[in-house]
Amino acid sequence: MNNAEFIKRLTELEQSMTKMVDADVEAFKEEQKRELADYELKRVWESNGYSQALIDVRDVLKEEFIKNPEPHREG
């Protein structure tokens, strides 16, 4: 193998490795996007869950107040 063939093979190997690295980087970016989307979805669901819990508590308190408008006093 002469120098020209050797340089050509090294260049092809470098290009091949660069493509593999680029593919790995793209796969990593896609995984990061999915993880961020999952996190955002979870955050929204949790936020909605907390909001719904507050609404439920408010509704229960309204019902209690309607049934008995006088505040409960102890003693």
C-alpha atoms as a PDB file:
ATOM      1  CA  MET A   1       0.000   0.000   0.000  1.00  0.00           C
ATOM      2  CA  ASN A   2       1.483   3.304  -1.000  1.00  0.00           C
ATOM      3  CA  ASN A   3       1.127   6.607   0.810  1.00  0.00           C
ATOM      4  CA  ALA A   4      -1.714   7.860  -1.401  1.00  0.00           C
ATOM      5  CA  GLU A   5      -3.827   4.737  -0.715  1.00  0.00           C
ATOM      6  CA  PHE A   6      -2.996   4.919   2.971  1.00  0.00           C
ATOM      7  CA  ILE A   7      -4.026   8.586   3.169  1.00  0.00           C
ATOM      8  CA  LYS A   8      -7.223   7.808   1.226  1.00  0.00           C
ATOM      9  CA  ARG A   9      -8.147   4.995   3.651  1.00  0.00           C
ATOM     10  CA  LEU A  10      -7.394   7.155   6.672  1.00  0.00           C
ATOM     11  CA  THR A  11      -9.562   9.918   5.228  1.00  0.00           C
ATOM     12  CA  GLU A  12     -12.415   7.456   4.636  1.00  0.00           C
ATOM     13  CA  LEU A  13     -12.036   6.116   8.170  1.00  0.00           C
ATOM     14  CA  GLU A  14     -12.096   9.638   9.589  1.00  0.00           C
ATOM     15  CA  GLN A  15     -15.228  10.487   7.612  1.00  0.00           C
ATOM     16  CA  SER A  16     -16.897   7.273   8.744  1.00  0.00           C
ATOM     17  CA  MET A  17     -16.045   7.967  12.373  1.00  0.00           C
ATOM     18  CA  THR A  18     -17.286  11.550  12.051  1.00  0.00           C
ATOM     19  CA  LYS A  19     -20.618  10.272  10.695  1.00  0.00           C
ATOM     20  CA  MET A  20     -20.910   7.846  13.614  1.00  0.00           C
ATOM     21  CA  VAL A  21     -20.166  10.612  16.109  1.00  0.00           C
ATOM     22  CA  ASP A  22     -22.698  12.886  14.410  1.00  0.00           C
ATOM     23  CA  ALA A  23     -25.304  10.113  14.583  1.00  0.00           C
ATOM     24  CA  ASP A  24     -24.539   9.579  18.285  1.00  0.00           C
ATOM     25  CA  VAL A  25     -24.841  13.307  18.955  1.00  0.00           C
ATOM     26  CA  GLU A  26     -28.186  13.457  17.124  1.00  0.00           C
ATOM     27  CA  ALA A  27     -29.458  10.421  19.052  1.00  0.00           C
ATOM     28  CA  PHE A  28     -28.387  12.074  22.308  1.00  0.00           C
ATOM     29  CA  LYS A  29     -30.144  15.317  21.333  1.00  0.00           C
ATOM     30  CA  GLU A  30     -33.337  13.412  20.521  1.00  0.00           C
ATOM     31  CA  GLU A  31     -33.173  11.578  23.848  1.00  0.00           C
ATOM     32  CA  GLN A  32     -32.709  14.896  25.644  1.00  0.00           C
ATOM     33  CA  LYS A  33     -35.734  16.335  23.810  1.00  0.00           C
ATOM     34  CA  ARG A  34     -37.859  13.324  24.827  1.00  0.00           C
ATOM     35  CA  GLU A  35     -36.726  13.584  28.434  1.00  0.00           C
ATOM     36  CA  LEU A  36     -37.513  17.308  28.489  1.00  0.00           C
ATOM     37  CA  ALA A  37     -40.934  16.692  26.943  1.00  0.00           C
ATOM     38  CA  ASP A  38     -41.615  13.966  29.530  1.00  0.00           C
ATOM     39  CA  TYR A  39     -40.525  16.302  32.327  1.00  0.00           C
ATOM     40  CA  GLU A  40     -42.708  19.128  31.022  1.00  0.00           C
ATOM     41  CA  LEU A  41     -45.682  16.781  30.700  1.00  0.00           C
ATOM     42  CA  LYS A  42     -45.163  15.489  34.235  1.00  0.00           C
ATOM     43  CA  ARG A  43     -44.830  19.044  35.553  1.00  0.00           C
ATOM     44  CA  VAL A  44     -48.070  20.086  33.825  1.00  0.00           C
ATOM     45  CA  TRP A  45     -49.914  17.002  35.108  1.00  0.00           C
ATOM     46  CA  GLU A  46     -48.686  17.640  38.633  1.00  0.00           C
ATOM     47  CA  SER A  47     -49.649  21.288  38.383  1.00  0.00           C
ATOM     48  CA  ASN A  48     -53.089  20.373  37.088  1.00  0.00           C
ATOM     49  CA  GLY A  49     -53.427  17.770  39.824  1.00  0.00           C
ATOM     50  CA  TYR A  50     -52.601  20.297  42.520  1.00  0.00           C
ATOM     51  CA  SER A  51     -54.982  22.803  40.965  1.00  0.00           C
ATOM     52  CA  GLN A  52     -57.722  20.183  40.840  1.00  0.00           C
ATOM     53  CA  ALA A  53     -57.088  19.269  44.470  1.00  0.00           C
ATOM     54  CA  LEU A  54     -57.449  22.927  45.472  1.00  0.00           C
ATOM     55  CA  ILE A  55     -60.691  23.181  43.499  1.00  0.00           C
ATOM     56  CA  ASP A  56     -61.989  20.029  45.191  1.00  0.00           C
ATOM     57  CA  VAL A  57     -61.160  21.387  48.647  1.00  0.00           C
ATOM     58  CA  ARG A  58     -62.771  24.707  47.795  1.00  0.00           C
ATOM     59  CA  ASP A  59     -65.927  22.931  46.608  1.00  0.00           C
ATOM     60  CA  VAL A  60     -66.099  20.871  49.804  1.00  0.00           C
ATOM     61  CA  LEU A  61     -65.677  24.009  51.910  1.00  0.00           C
ATOM     62  CA  LYS A  62     -68.401  25.786  49.924  1.00  0.00           C
ATOM     63  CA  GLU A  63     -70.768  22.864  50.510  1.00  0.00           C
ATOM     64  CA  GLU A  64     -70.018  22.908  54.234  1.00  0.00           C
ATOM     65  CA  PHE A  65     -70.577  26.654  54.403  1.00  0.00           C
ATOM     66  CA  ILE A  66     -73.876  26.388  52.515  1.00  0.00           C
ATOM     67  CA  LYS A  67     -75.060  23.657  54.897  1.00  0.00           C
ATOM     68  CA  ASN A  68     -73.966  25.582  57.964  1.00  0.00           C
ATOM     69  CA  PRO A  69     -73.176  29.271  57.436  1.00  0.00           C
ATOM     70  CA  GLU A  70     -72.298  29.781  61.109  1.00  0.00           C
ATOM     71  CA  PRO A  71     -68.641  29.130  61.822  1.00  0.00           C
ATOM     72  CA  HIS A  72     -67.907  26.103  63.925  1.00  0.00           C
ATOM     73  CA  ARG A  73     -66.952  27.146  67.407  1.00  0.00           C
ATOM     74  CA  GLU A  74     -65.465  24.997  70.080  1.00  0.00           C
ATOM     75  CA  GLY A  75     -65.895  25.521  73.758  1.00  0.00           C
END
